[in-house]
C-alpha atoms as a PDB file:
ATOM      1  CA  UNK A   1     -12.269  35.583 -36.997  1.00  0.00           C
ATOM      2  CA  UNK A   2     -13.268  31.902 -37.257  1.00  0.00           C
ATOM      3  CA  UNK A   3      -9.785  31.067 -38.558  1.00  0.00           C
ATOM      4  CA  UNK A   4      -8.156  32.661 -35.527  1.00  0.00           C
ATOM      5  CA  UNK A   5     -10.492  30.811 -33.149  1.00  0.00           C
ATOM      6  CA  UNK A   6      -9.719  27.520 -34.909  1.00  0.00           C
ATOM      7  CA  UNK A   7      -5.958  28.173 -34.699  1.00  0.00           C
ATOM      8  CA  UNK A   8      -6.221  28.988 -30.980  1.00  0.00           C
ATOM      9  CA  UNK A   9      -8.207  25.812 -30.314  1.00  0.00           C
ATOM     10  CA  UNK A  10      -5.704  23.739 -32.293  1.00  0.00           C
ATOM     11  CA  UNK A  11      -2.803  25.413 -30.455  1.00  0.00           C
ATOM     12  CA  UNK A  12      -4.253  24.667 -27.006  1.00  0.00           C
ATOM     13  CA  UNK A  13      -5.110  21.079 -27.960  1.00  0.00           C
ATOM     14  CA  UNK A  14      -1.555  20.430 -29.098  1.00  0.00           C
ATOM     15  CA  UNK A  15       0.235  22.134 -26.203  1.00  0.00           C
ATOM     16  CA  UNK A  16      -1.970  21.121 -23.270  1.00  0.00           C
ATOM     17  CA  UNK A  17      -0.934  18.068 -21.273  1.00  0.00           C
ATOM     18  CA  UNK A  18      -3.463  16.003 -19.397  1.00  0.00           C
ATOM     19  CA  UNK A  19      -2.750  14.664 -15.940  1.00  0.00           C
ATOM     20  CA  UNK A  20      -2.997  10.882 -15.864  1.00  0.00           C
ATOM     21  CA  UNK A  21      -3.214   9.187 -12.504  1.00  0.00           C
ATOM     22  CA  UNK A  22      -0.824   6.267 -12.438  1.00  0.00           C
ATOM     23  CA  UNK A  23      -2.514   4.533  -9.500  1.00  0.00           C
ATOM     24  CA  UNK A  24      -0.738   2.360  -6.971  1.00  0.00           C
ATOM     25  CA  UNK A  25       2.571   1.092  -8.340  1.00  0.00           C
ATOM     26  CA  UNK A  26       2.808  -2.577  -7.356  1.00  0.00           C
ATOM     27  CA  UNK A  27       4.368  -5.503  -9.116  1.00  0.00           C
ATOM     28  CA  UNK A  28       1.998  -8.415  -8.663  1.00  0.00           C
ATOM     29  CA  UNK A  29       3.061 -12.055  -8.896  1.00  0.00           C
ATOM     30  CA  UNK A  30       1.550 -14.400 -11.480  1.00  0.00           C
ATOM     31  CA  UNK A  31      -1.864 -15.827 -10.650  1.00  0.00           C
ATOM     32  CA  UNK A  32      -1.905 -18.993  -8.520  1.00  0.00           C
ATOM     33  CA  UNK A  33       1.754 -18.697  -7.542  1.00  0.00           C
ATOM     34  CA  UNK A  34       2.219 -19.670  -3.902  1.00  0.00           C
ATOM     35  CA  UNK A  35       5.329 -19.969  -1.793  1.00  0.00           C
ATOM     36  CA  UNK A  36       5.830 -21.325   1.681  1.00  0.00           C
ATOM     37  CA  UNK A  37       7.094 -18.692   4.103  1.00  0.00           C
ATOM     38  CA  UNK A  38       8.500 -19.299   7.566  1.00  0.00           C
ATOM     39  CA  UNK A  39       6.411 -17.753  10.305  1.00  0.00           C
ATOM     40  CA  UNK A  40       9.435 -15.796  11.612  1.00  0.00           C
ATOM     41  CA  UNK A  41       9.714 -14.065   8.214  1.00  0.00           C
ATOM     42  CA  UNK A  42       6.085 -12.944   8.228  1.00  0.00           C
ATOM     43  CA  UNK A  43       4.649  -9.820   9.841  1.00  0.00           C
ATOM     44  CA  UNK A  44       0.891  -9.247   9.635  1.00  0.00           C
ATOM     45  CA  UNK A  45      -0.495  -5.717   9.601  1.00  0.00           C
ATOM     46  CA  UNK A  46      -4.264  -5.466   9.996  1.00  0.00           C
ATOM     47  CA  UNK A  47      -6.687  -2.649   9.231  1.00  0.00           C
ATOM     48  CA  UNK A  48     -10.118  -3.156  10.762  1.00  0.00           C
ATOM     49  CA  UNK A  49     -13.471  -1.679   9.762  1.00  0.00           C
ATOM     50  CA  UNK A  50     -12.896   1.309  12.094  1.00  0.00           C
ATOM     51  CA  UNK A  51      -9.567   2.098  10.323  1.00  0.00           C
ATOM     52  CA  UNK A  52      -7.515   0.995  13.317  1.00  0.00           C
ATOM     53  CA  UNK A  53      -4.085  -0.450  12.524  1.00  0.00           C
ATOM     54  CA  UNK A  54      -2.640  -3.416  14.409  1.00  0.00           C
ATOM     55  CA  UNK A  55       0.231  -5.899  14.302  1.00  0.00           C
ATOM     56  CA  UNK A  56      -0.248  -9.581  14.949  1.00  0.00           C
ATOM     57  CA  UNK A  57       2.220 -10.574  17.669  1.00  0.00           C
ATOM     58  CA  UNK A  58       2.213 -14.037  19.218  1.00  0.00           C
ATOM     59  CA  UNK A  59      -1.435 -14.523  18.321  1.00  0.00           C
ATOM     60  CA  UNK A  60      -2.517 -11.170  19.807  1.00  0.00           C
ATOM     61  CA  UNK A  61      -3.298  -7.947  17.964  1.00  0.00           C
ATOM     62  CA  UNK A  62      -1.304  -4.904  19.140  1.00  0.00           C
ATOM     63  CA  UNK A  63      -2.709  -1.578  17.947  1.00  0.00           C
ATOM     64  CA  UNK A  64      -0.449   1.155  16.599  1.00  0.00           C
ATOM     65  CA  UNK A  65      -1.098   4.635  15.300  1.00  0.00           C
ATOM     66  CA  UNK A  66      -0.292   5.536  11.706  1.00  0.00           C
ATOM     67  CA  UNK A  67       2.563   7.820  12.807  1.00  0.00           C
ATOM     68  CA  UNK A  68       4.138   4.909  14.782  1.00  0.00           C
ATOM     69  CA  UNK A  69       3.838   2.406  11.945  1.00  0.00           C
ATOM     70  CA  UNK A  70       6.976   3.430  10.032  1.00  0.00           C
ATOM     71  CA  UNK A  71       9.313   3.216  13.025  1.00  0.00           C
ATOM     72  CA  UNK A  72       7.827  -0.134  14.056  1.00  0.00           C
ATOM     73  CA  UNK A  73       8.311  -1.605  10.575  1.00  0.00           C
ATOM     74  CA  UNK A  74      11.845  -0.158  10.318  1.00  0.00           C
ATOM     75  CA  UNK A  75      12.723  -1.806  13.640  1.00  0.00           C
ATOM     76  CA  UNK A  76      11.346  -5.158  12.502  1.00  0.00           C
ATOM     77  CA  UNK A  77      13.170  -4.927   9.163  1.00  0.00           C
ATOM     78  CA  UNK A  78      16.469  -4.301  10.989  1.00  0.00           C
ATOM     79  CA  UNK A  79      15.861  -7.440  13.053  1.00  0.00           C
ATOM     80  CA  UNK A  80      14.975  -9.550   9.997  1.00  0.00           C
ATOM     81  CA  UNK A  81      15.901  -8.355   6.491  1.00  0.00           C
ATOM     82  CA  UNK A  82      13.892 -11.198   4.907  1.00  0.00           C
ATOM     83  CA  UNK A  83      10.679  -9.944   6.525  1.00  0.00           C
ATOM     84  CA  UNK A  84       7.514 -10.033   4.437  1.00  0.00           C
ATOM     85  CA  UNK A  85       4.763  -7.637   5.469  1.00  0.00           C
ATOM     86  CA  UNK A  86       1.297  -9.132   5.023  1.00  0.00           C
ATOM     87  CA  UNK A  87      -1.228  -6.293   4.793  1.00  0.00           C
ATOM     88  CA  UNK A  88      -4.780  -7.365   5.561  1.00  0.00           C
ATOM     89  CA  UNK A  89      -7.751  -5.009   5.513  1.00  0.00           C
ATOM     90  CA  UNK A  90     -11.393  -5.683   6.245  1.00  0.00           C
ATOM     91  CA  UNK A  91     -13.804  -4.764   3.482  1.00  0.00           C
ATOM     92  CA  UNK A  92     -15.282  -1.878   5.471  1.00  0.00           C
ATOM     93  CA  UNK A  93     -11.858  -0.247   5.987  1.00  0.00           C
ATOM     94  CA  UNK A  94     -11.449   3.006   4.104  1.00  0.00           C
ATOM     95  CA  UNK A  95      -9.360   3.170   0.966  1.00  0.00           C
ATOM     96  CA  UNK A  96      -7.575   6.250   2.336  1.00  0.00           C
ATOM     97  CA  UNK A  97      -6.293   4.346   5.372  1.00  0.00           C
ATOM     98  CA  UNK A  98      -5.234   1.393   3.205  1.00  0.00           C
ATOM     99  CA  UNK A  99      -3.192   3.658   0.915  1.00  0.00           C
ATOM    100  CA  UNK A 100      -1.721   5.572   3.888  1.00  0.00           C
ATOM    101  CA  UNK A 101      -0.586   2.311   5.499  1.00  0.00           C
ATOM    102  CA  UNK A 102       0.838   1.083   2.206  1.00  0.00           C
ATOM    103  CA  UNK A 103       2.746   4.371   1.811  1.00  0.00           C
ATOM    104  CA  UNK A 104       4.149   4.120   5.338  1.00  0.00           C
ATOM    105  CA  UNK A 105       5.295   0.554   4.689  1.00  0.00           C
ATOM    106  CA  UNK A 106       7.131   1.655   1.553  1.00  0.00           C
ATOM    107  CA  UNK A 107       8.679   4.656   3.328  1.00  0.00           C
ATOM    108  CA  UNK A 108       9.903   2.307   6.068  1.00  0.00           C
ATOM    109  CA  UNK A 109      11.843   0.388   3.428  1.00  0.00           C
ATOM    110  CA  UNK A 110       9.586  -2.647   3.085  1.00  0.00           C
ATOM    111  CA  UNK A 111      10.031  -4.130  -0.368  1.00  0.00           C
ATOM    112  CA  UNK A 112       8.219  -7.415   0.263  1.00  0.00           C
ATOM    113  CA  UNK A 113       4.579  -6.536   0.833  1.00  0.00           C
ATOM    114  CA  UNK A 114       1.787  -9.064   0.502  1.00  0.00           C
ATOM    115  CA  UNK A 115      -1.799  -7.856   0.217  1.00  0.00           C
ATOM    116  CA  UNK A 116      -3.984 -10.587   1.646  1.00  0.00           C
ATOM    117  CA  UNK A 117      -7.621 -11.106   2.509  1.00  0.00           C
ATOM    118  CA  UNK A 118      -8.178 -11.402   6.263  1.00  0.00           C
ATOM    119  CA  UNK A 119      -9.447 -14.694   7.622  1.00  0.00           C
ATOM    120  CA  UNK A 120     -13.060 -14.658   8.620  1.00  0.00           C
END
């Protein structure tokens, strides 16, 4: 009986696969690498401490809903294919909202995404 139990345990250990979370797939640049970017090629997306999403336009913040974000980014990418999205989130913003915004940016076709710390 002990032999059968041992064989079953060994069988399940060998055949069972464990789920491994891969996390957020981002390719980060080397440390301390900076590049100058023209202001027209930069689009800032902000997430505040109340999980509200906004674009920085002409010095003013314009709020958007999460479901509007993709179409707004797609429109801006059509206007400027060299556009870099700068995602800035306050420390009190929820991780869920940050990941949702990042997903929407990727679904909109944004390949140049910068994760930056907001100015104080």
